Protein backbone atom coordinates (compact mmCIF):
# COMPACT_ATOMS: atom_id res chain seq x y z
CA MET A 1 -21.41 30.85 -1.23
CA LEU A 2 -24.59 29.87 0.56
CA ILE A 3 -23.93 28.34 3.96
CA THR A 4 -26.94 26.68 5.54
CA HIS A 5 -27.52 26.51 9.28
CA ASP A 6 -26.39 22.90 9.59
CA THR A 7 -23.28 23.52 7.47
CA ARG A 8 -22.42 26.49 9.66
CA CYS A 9 -22.86 24.36 12.80
CA ALA A 10 -20.59 21.69 11.28
CA LEU A 11 -17.97 24.32 10.38
CA ASP A 12 -18.04 25.71 13.92
CA ALA A 13 -17.69 22.18 15.31
CA VAL A 14 -14.77 21.22 13.07
CA VAL A 15 -12.90 24.44 13.83
CA ASP A 16 -13.46 24.00 17.56
CA LEU A 17 -12.43 20.34 17.30
CA VAL A 18 -9.18 21.11 15.47
CA ASN A 19 -8.43 23.85 17.98
CA THR A 20 -8.67 21.41 20.91
CA ALA A 21 -5.42 19.79 19.77
CA PRO A 22 -2.36 20.84 21.74
CA ASP A 23 0.00 23.14 19.81
CA ASP A 24 3.07 21.73 21.52
CA ASP A 25 4.15 19.49 24.40
CA GLU A 26 3.34 22.20 26.95
CA THR A 27 -0.20 22.98 25.81
CA PRO A 28 -2.95 20.83 27.36
CA ASP A 29 -5.21 18.78 25.14
CA GLY A 30 -8.67 20.33 24.91
CA LEU A 31 -10.07 16.79 24.76
CA ALA A 32 -8.13 15.48 27.74
CA ASP A 33 -10.81 13.05 28.89
CA VAL A 34 -14.31 11.74 28.25
CA ALA A 35 -15.81 14.59 30.30
CA ALA A 36 -14.20 17.11 27.93
CA LEU A 37 -15.61 15.19 24.96
CA GLU A 38 -19.06 15.18 26.59
CA ASP A 39 -18.79 18.95 27.06
CA PHE A 40 -17.76 19.36 23.41
CA VAL A 41 -20.75 17.29 22.25
CA ARG A 42 -23.12 19.22 24.53
CA THR A 43 -21.73 22.61 23.43
CA HIS A 44 -22.25 21.76 19.77
CA GLU A 45 -25.66 20.18 20.40
CA PHE A 46 -24.94 16.96 18.50
CA SER A 47 -28.01 14.81 18.06
CA ASP A 48 -28.17 11.02 18.29
CA VAL A 49 -25.08 10.67 20.53
CA GLY A 50 -25.30 8.07 23.26
CA VAL A 51 -23.05 7.42 26.23
CA LEU A 52 -19.44 8.31 25.42
CA SER A 53 -16.41 6.22 26.33
CA GLU A 54 -12.61 6.15 26.13
CA PHE A 55 -13.01 4.42 22.78
CA ASP A 56 -15.02 7.42 21.51
CA LEU A 57 -12.41 9.82 22.85
CA SER A 58 -9.62 7.97 21.03
CA ALA A 59 -11.63 7.83 17.79
CA VAL A 60 -12.48 11.56 17.94
CA ARG A 61 -8.82 12.44 18.50
CA LYS A 62 -7.93 10.44 15.35
CA VAL A 63 -10.63 12.26 13.38
CA ARG A 64 -9.34 15.56 14.78
CA ALA A 65 -5.85 14.81 13.43
CA ARG A 66 -7.34 14.07 10.01
CA PHE A 67 -9.25 17.38 10.03
CA ALA A 68 -6.07 19.21 11.05
CA ALA A 69 -4.35 17.73 7.99
CA ILE A 70 -7.15 19.11 5.78
CA PHE A 71 -6.72 22.61 7.22
CA ALA A 72 -2.95 22.34 6.66
CA GLU A 73 -3.26 21.16 3.05
CA PRO A 74 -2.79 24.02 0.54
CA GLU A 75 -3.53 21.87 -2.52
CA ALA A 76 -7.24 21.46 -3.28
CA ARG A 77 -6.78 18.07 -4.97
CA ARG A 78 -5.00 16.65 -1.91
CA ALA A 79 -7.54 18.25 0.48
CA ALA A 80 -10.31 16.62 -1.56
CA ALA A 81 -8.59 13.23 -1.28
CA LEU A 82 -8.26 13.65 2.50
CA ILE A 83 -11.93 14.62 2.81
CA ASN A 84 -13.00 11.70 0.60
CA GLU A 85 -11.04 9.24 2.77
CA LEU A 86 -12.50 10.70 5.97
CA VAL A 87 -16.11 10.75 4.77
CA ALA A 88 -15.89 7.27 3.23
CA ALA A 89 -14.46 5.79 6.44
CA ALA A 90 -17.42 7.26 8.35
CA GLY A 91 -19.87 5.30 6.19
CA THR A 92 -21.95 8.31 5.25
CA THR A 93 -25.67 7.81 4.91
CA PRO A 94 -27.28 11.08 3.81
CA ARG A 95 -30.79 11.52 5.16
CA LEU A 96 -33.23 14.37 5.54
CA THR A 97 -34.27 15.23 9.06
CA ASP A 98 -36.10 17.94 10.98
CA HIS A 99 -35.46 17.92 14.69
CA ASP A 100 -35.12 20.21 17.68
CA GLY A 101 -37.07 22.99 15.98
CA TYR A 102 -34.92 23.13 12.82
CA ASP A 103 -36.42 22.84 9.37
CA TRP A 104 -35.41 20.10 6.96
CA HIS A 105 -31.70 19.59 6.61
CA VAL A 106 -29.29 16.80 5.71
CA HIS A 107 -27.42 14.64 8.18
CA TYR A 108 -24.65 12.62 6.62
CA PHE A 109 -24.12 10.18 9.48
CA ALA A 110 -26.10 6.98 9.90
CA PRO A 111 -28.57 6.69 12.78
CA GLY A 112 -26.71 5.40 15.82
CA ALA A 113 -23.29 6.34 14.40
CA SER A 114 -20.43 6.94 16.79
CA VAL A 115 -19.59 10.53 17.64
CA ALA A 116 -16.37 10.20 15.60
CA ASP A 117 -18.32 9.05 12.53
CA HIS A 118 -20.87 11.81 13.17
CA LEU A 119 -18.07 14.40 13.14
CA ALA A 120 -16.28 12.85 10.16
CA ALA A 121 -19.45 12.69 8.06
CA ASP A 122 -21.13 16.02 8.83
CA CYS A 123 -17.99 18.11 9.24
CA GLY A 124 -16.27 16.38 6.33
CA MET A 125 -19.18 17.23 4.06
CA ALA A 126 -19.16 20.84 5.27
CA LEU A 127 -15.50 21.10 4.28
CA ALA A 128 -16.23 19.30 1.00
CA PHE A 129 -18.64 22.09 0.03
CA PHE A 130 -15.75 24.56 0.23
CA VAL A 131 -13.56 22.46 -2.07
CA VAL A 132 -16.45 21.99 -4.53
CA ALA A 133 -17.09 25.75 -4.57
CA GLY A 134 -13.39 26.47 -5.23
CA GLU A 135 -13.15 28.10 -1.80
CA GLN A 136 -10.74 25.68 -0.08
CA GLU A 137 -8.32 28.54 0.66
CA ARG A 138 -10.89 29.81 3.17
CA LEU A 139 -9.89 26.93 5.48
CA ARG A 140 -7.02 28.66 7.27
CA ARG A 141 -4.70 28.81 10.23
CA CYS A 142 -4.17 31.99 12.24
CA GLU A 143 -1.16 34.00 11.02
CA ALA A 144 -0.22 35.23 14.49
CA PRO A 145 3.23 33.79 15.26
CA ASP A 146 2.17 32.41 18.64
CA CYS A 147 -1.21 31.05 17.47
CA ARG A 148 -1.99 28.45 14.84
CA HIS A 149 -5.72 28.05 15.52
CA ALA A 150 -7.87 26.93 12.62
CA PHE A 151 -10.69 29.09 11.30
CA VAL A 152 -12.91 29.43 8.25
CA ASP A 153 -12.55 32.79 6.52
CA LEU A 154 -16.10 33.84 5.73
CA SER A 155 -15.17 37.43 4.93
CA ARG A 156 -16.45 38.76 1.63
CA ASN A 157 -13.00 39.39 0.17
CA ARG A 158 -11.19 36.40 1.75
CA SER A 159 -8.92 38.74 3.72
CA ARG A 160 -9.17 37.41 7.27
CA ARG A 161 -5.74 36.55 8.66
CA TYR A 162 -6.35 35.89 12.35
CA CYS A 163 -8.58 33.47 14.23
CA ASP A 164 -9.85 36.38 16.33
CA SER A 165 -9.27 40.00 15.42
CA ARG A 166 -9.84 41.07 19.03
CA THR A 167 -7.04 38.93 20.40
CA CYS A 168 -4.49 37.80 17.83
CA GLY A 169 -5.09 40.57 15.29
CA ASN A 170 -5.27 43.36 17.82
CA ARG A 171 -2.20 42.10 19.70
CA LEU A 172 -0.11 42.12 16.51
CA HIS A 173 -1.38 45.52 15.42
CA VAL A 174 -0.52 47.02 18.81
CA ALA A 175 2.94 45.43 18.72
CA ALA A 176 3.56 46.83 15.22
CA TYR A 177 2.36 50.28 16.33
CA ARG A 178 4.69 50.24 19.33
CA ALA A 179 7.60 49.14 17.18
CA ARG A 180 6.96 52.02 14.72
CA ARG A 181 6.73 54.50 17.60
CA LYS A 182 9.95 53.20 19.14
CA GLU A 183 11.74 53.40 15.79
CA ALA A 184 10.46 56.93 15.18
CA ALA A 185 11.60 58.03 18.66
CA GLY A 186 15.04 56.68 17.77
């Protein structure tokens, strides 16, 4: 599956957005305030985003919940319906653009769109490409019991199980090793 630069940026943004949601009542929201949203927008280098407000923060949180539902949906037909609803609500307006030193690519949001519509359109279309390619199962949640972060499995054989092999994967492998050693020692 060919993933263009802008699609990869959208995938990174949607994964990071979904992972800002608190896992439980004790976990802080990664988008706690407008400053956090501004940082998110700056980190992901979104173009055409003006001054952000509480309204934008609320709208982005709603879009985040809709993206989380897509990552949680195992059925491709239902995931496609969720993506269609999200992209349609954003009022997508595909247009070719070349900006900030990048060659021609497609933006799916209208000029002057809100940051929530920007996310819904561009990130929704990035996820749509996975459904179209029959690769929806690559949109996953970490299998570590204490982590449910979203990620996109871009491994060749679709075998990635953890959001980060250095943290979640390694921690579980070490725990399993210690348990085997303890059992062997009797």
